[in-house]
Amino acid sequence: MDDRKIDRPFDKELFKKASDLAQKYLILMEKHNRLGYVGSCVEMPTVFFDGKTEEQCEKSGREAIAVTIATMMELGRELPKVKYNE
């Protein structure tokens, strides 16, 4: 397991690239009684998010995916291949 930590904000250019890439990944959402909507990323099954509305859930999801991508890029990890939105 990699125990390196990122203890500063992401580089702006790197996070912009990660945010752009995040738009390509497929997310699934479903209605939730307490949270409004919950979702996950198909290509990154450990990335979960929620929001009171579908729009908020998607926005939260794209941000969670972007943070995951930016972290992976900084650590030199290979990104999951986009399966559905190419």
C-alpha atoms as a PDB file:
ATOM      1  CA  MET A   1       0.000   0.000   0.000  1.00  0.00           C
ATOM      2  CA  ASP A   2       1.189   3.495  -0.861  1.00  0.00           C
ATOM      3  CA  ASP A   3       1.332   5.666   2.265  1.00  0.00           C
ATOM      4  CA  ARG A   4       2.414   8.891   0.577  1.00  0.00           C
ATOM      5  CA  LYS A   5       0.213  11.845   1.478  1.00  0.00           C
ATOM      6  CA  ILE A   6      -0.772  14.922  -0.475  1.00  0.00           C
ATOM      7  CA  ASP A   7      -0.733  17.733   2.067  1.00  0.00           C
ATOM      8  CA  ARG A   8      -1.358  20.726  -0.174  1.00  0.00           C
ATOM      9  CA  PRO A   9      -3.877  21.886  -2.758  1.00  0.00           C
ATOM     10  CA  PHE A  10      -3.631  20.365  -6.216  1.00  0.00           C
ATOM     11  CA  ASP A  11      -1.793  22.260  -8.921  1.00  0.00           C
ATOM     12  CA  LYS A  12      -4.459  24.276 -10.792  1.00  0.00           C
ATOM     13  CA  GLU A  13      -3.533  22.942 -14.240  1.00  0.00           C
ATOM     14  CA  LEU A  14      -3.454  19.352 -12.993  1.00  0.00           C
ATOM     15  CA  PHE A  15      -6.863  19.726 -11.330  1.00  0.00           C
ATOM     16  CA  LYS A  16      -8.310  21.317 -14.482  1.00  0.00           C
ATOM     17  CA  LYS A  17      -7.102  18.322 -16.499  1.00  0.00           C
ATOM     18  CA  ALA A  18      -8.516  15.935 -13.858  1.00  0.00           C
ATOM     19  CA  SER A  19     -11.860  17.794 -13.901  1.00  0.00           C
ATOM     20  CA  ASP A  20     -12.029  17.572 -17.695  1.00  0.00           C
ATOM     21  CA  LEU A  21     -11.287  13.834 -17.573  1.00  0.00           C
ATOM     22  CA  ALA A  22     -13.889  13.332 -14.827  1.00  0.00           C
ATOM     23  CA  GLN A  23     -16.614  14.345 -17.277  1.00  0.00           C
ATOM     24  CA  LYS A  24     -15.902  11.230 -19.366  1.00  0.00           C
ATOM     25  CA  TYR A  25     -16.528   8.647 -16.641  1.00  0.00           C
ATOM     26  CA  LEU A  26     -19.934   7.014 -16.249  1.00  0.00           C
ATOM     27  CA  ILE A  27     -21.848   7.608 -13.044  1.00  0.00           C
ATOM     28  CA  LEU A  28     -24.917   5.798 -11.786  1.00  0.00           C
ATOM     29  CA  MET A  29     -27.383   7.457  -9.426  1.00  0.00           C
ATOM     30  CA  GLU A  30     -30.442   6.293  -7.552  1.00  0.00           C
ATOM     31  CA  LYS A  31     -33.000   7.888  -5.271  1.00  0.00           C
ATOM     32  CA  HIS A  32     -32.284   7.590  -1.536  1.00  0.00           C
ATOM     33  CA  ASN A  33     -34.859   8.155   1.219  1.00  0.00           C
ATOM     34  CA  ARG A  34     -32.618  10.254   3.491  1.00  0.00           C
ATOM     35  CA  LEU A  35     -29.923  11.684   1.229  1.00  0.00           C
ATOM     36  CA  GLY A  36     -31.927  12.536  -1.882  1.00  0.00           C
ATOM     37  CA  TYR A  37     -29.685  10.767  -4.406  1.00  0.00           C
ATOM     38  CA  VAL A  38     -26.605   8.564  -4.091  1.00  0.00           C
ATOM     39  CA  GLY A  39     -24.206   7.609  -6.828  1.00  0.00           C
ATOM     40  CA  SER A  40     -21.041   5.822  -7.797  1.00  0.00           C
ATOM     41  CA  CYS A  41     -18.602   5.780 -10.687  1.00  0.00           C
ATOM     42  CA  VAL A  42     -18.715   2.636 -12.842  1.00  0.00           C
ATOM     43  CA  GLU A  43     -14.995   2.724 -13.676  1.00  0.00           C
ATOM     44  CA  MET A  44     -14.001   3.642 -10.088  1.00  0.00           C
ATOM     45  CA  PRO A  45     -16.220   1.468  -7.882  1.00  0.00           C
ATOM     46  CA  THR A  46     -14.882   2.900  -4.605  1.00  0.00           C
ATOM     47  CA  VAL A  47     -15.927   6.478  -5.468  1.00  0.00           C
ATOM     48  CA  PHE A  48     -19.311   7.302  -3.904  1.00  0.00           C
ATOM     49  CA  PHE A  49     -21.204  10.585  -3.618  1.00  0.00           C
ATOM     50  CA  ASP A  50     -24.614  12.050  -2.826  1.00  0.00           C
ATOM     51  CA  GLY A  51     -26.758  15.137  -3.242  1.00  0.00           C
ATOM     52  CA  LYS A  52     -30.223  16.393  -2.420  1.00  0.00           C
ATOM     53  CA  THR A  53     -31.091  16.640  -6.119  1.00  0.00           C
ATOM     54  CA  GLU A  54     -29.928  14.748  -9.211  1.00  0.00           C
ATOM     55  CA  GLU A  55     -27.968  17.819 -10.297  1.00  0.00           C
ATOM     56  CA  GLN A  56     -26.251  18.183  -6.915  1.00  0.00           C
ATOM     57  CA  CYS A  57     -25.440  14.474  -6.881  1.00  0.00           C
ATOM     58  CA  GLU A  58     -23.895  14.625 -10.343  1.00  0.00           C
ATOM     59  CA  LYS A  59     -21.879  17.733  -9.435  1.00  0.00           C
ATOM     60  CA  SER A  60     -20.661  16.045  -6.237  1.00  0.00           C
ATOM     61  CA  GLY A  61     -19.793  12.944  -8.242  1.00  0.00           C
ATOM     62  CA  ARG A  62     -17.802  14.793 -10.884  1.00  0.00           C
ATOM     63  CA  GLU A  63     -15.848  16.563  -8.141  1.00  0.00           C
ATOM     64  CA  ALA A  64     -15.176  13.286  -6.291  1.00  0.00           C
ATOM     65  CA  ILE A  65     -13.984  11.680  -9.524  1.00  0.00           C
ATOM     66  CA  ALA A  66     -11.778  14.704 -10.302  1.00  0.00           C
ATOM     67  CA  VAL A  67     -10.158  14.532  -6.853  1.00  0.00           C
ATOM     68  CA  THR A  68      -9.551  10.816  -7.327  1.00  0.00           C
ATOM     69  CA  ILE A  69      -8.013  11.378 -10.764  1.00  0.00           C
ATOM     70  CA  ALA A  70      -5.832  14.254  -9.539  1.00  0.00           C
ATOM     71  CA  THR A  71      -4.590  12.138  -6.632  1.00  0.00           C
ATOM     72  CA  MET A  72      -3.818   9.225  -8.948  1.00  0.00           C
ATOM     73  CA  MET A  73      -1.990  11.538 -11.363  1.00  0.00           C
ATOM     74  CA  GLU A  74       0.129  13.035  -8.575  1.00  0.00           C
ATOM     75  CA  LEU A  75       1.031   9.565  -7.299  1.00  0.00           C
ATOM     76  CA  GLY A  76       1.880   8.352 -10.796  1.00  0.00           C
ATOM     77  CA  ARG A  77      -0.881   5.752 -10.918  1.00  0.00           C
ATOM     78  CA  GLU A  78      -2.570   4.570 -14.084  1.00  0.00           C
ATOM     79  CA  LEU A  79      -6.100   5.911 -14.541  1.00  0.00           C
ATOM     80  CA  PRO A  80      -8.989   3.517 -15.187  1.00  0.00           C
ATOM     81  CA  LYS A  81      -9.991   3.361 -18.830  1.00  0.00           C
ATOM     82  CA  VAL A  82     -13.226   5.120 -19.728  1.00  0.00           C
ATOM     83  CA  LYS A  83     -15.615   2.323 -20.691  1.00  0.00           C
ATOM     84  CA  TYR A  84     -18.870   3.933 -21.780  1.00  0.00           C
ATOM     85  CA  ASN A  85     -18.605   7.638 -22.628  1.00  0.00           C
ATOM     86  CA  GLU A  86     -15.989   7.624 -25.379  1.00  0.00           C
END
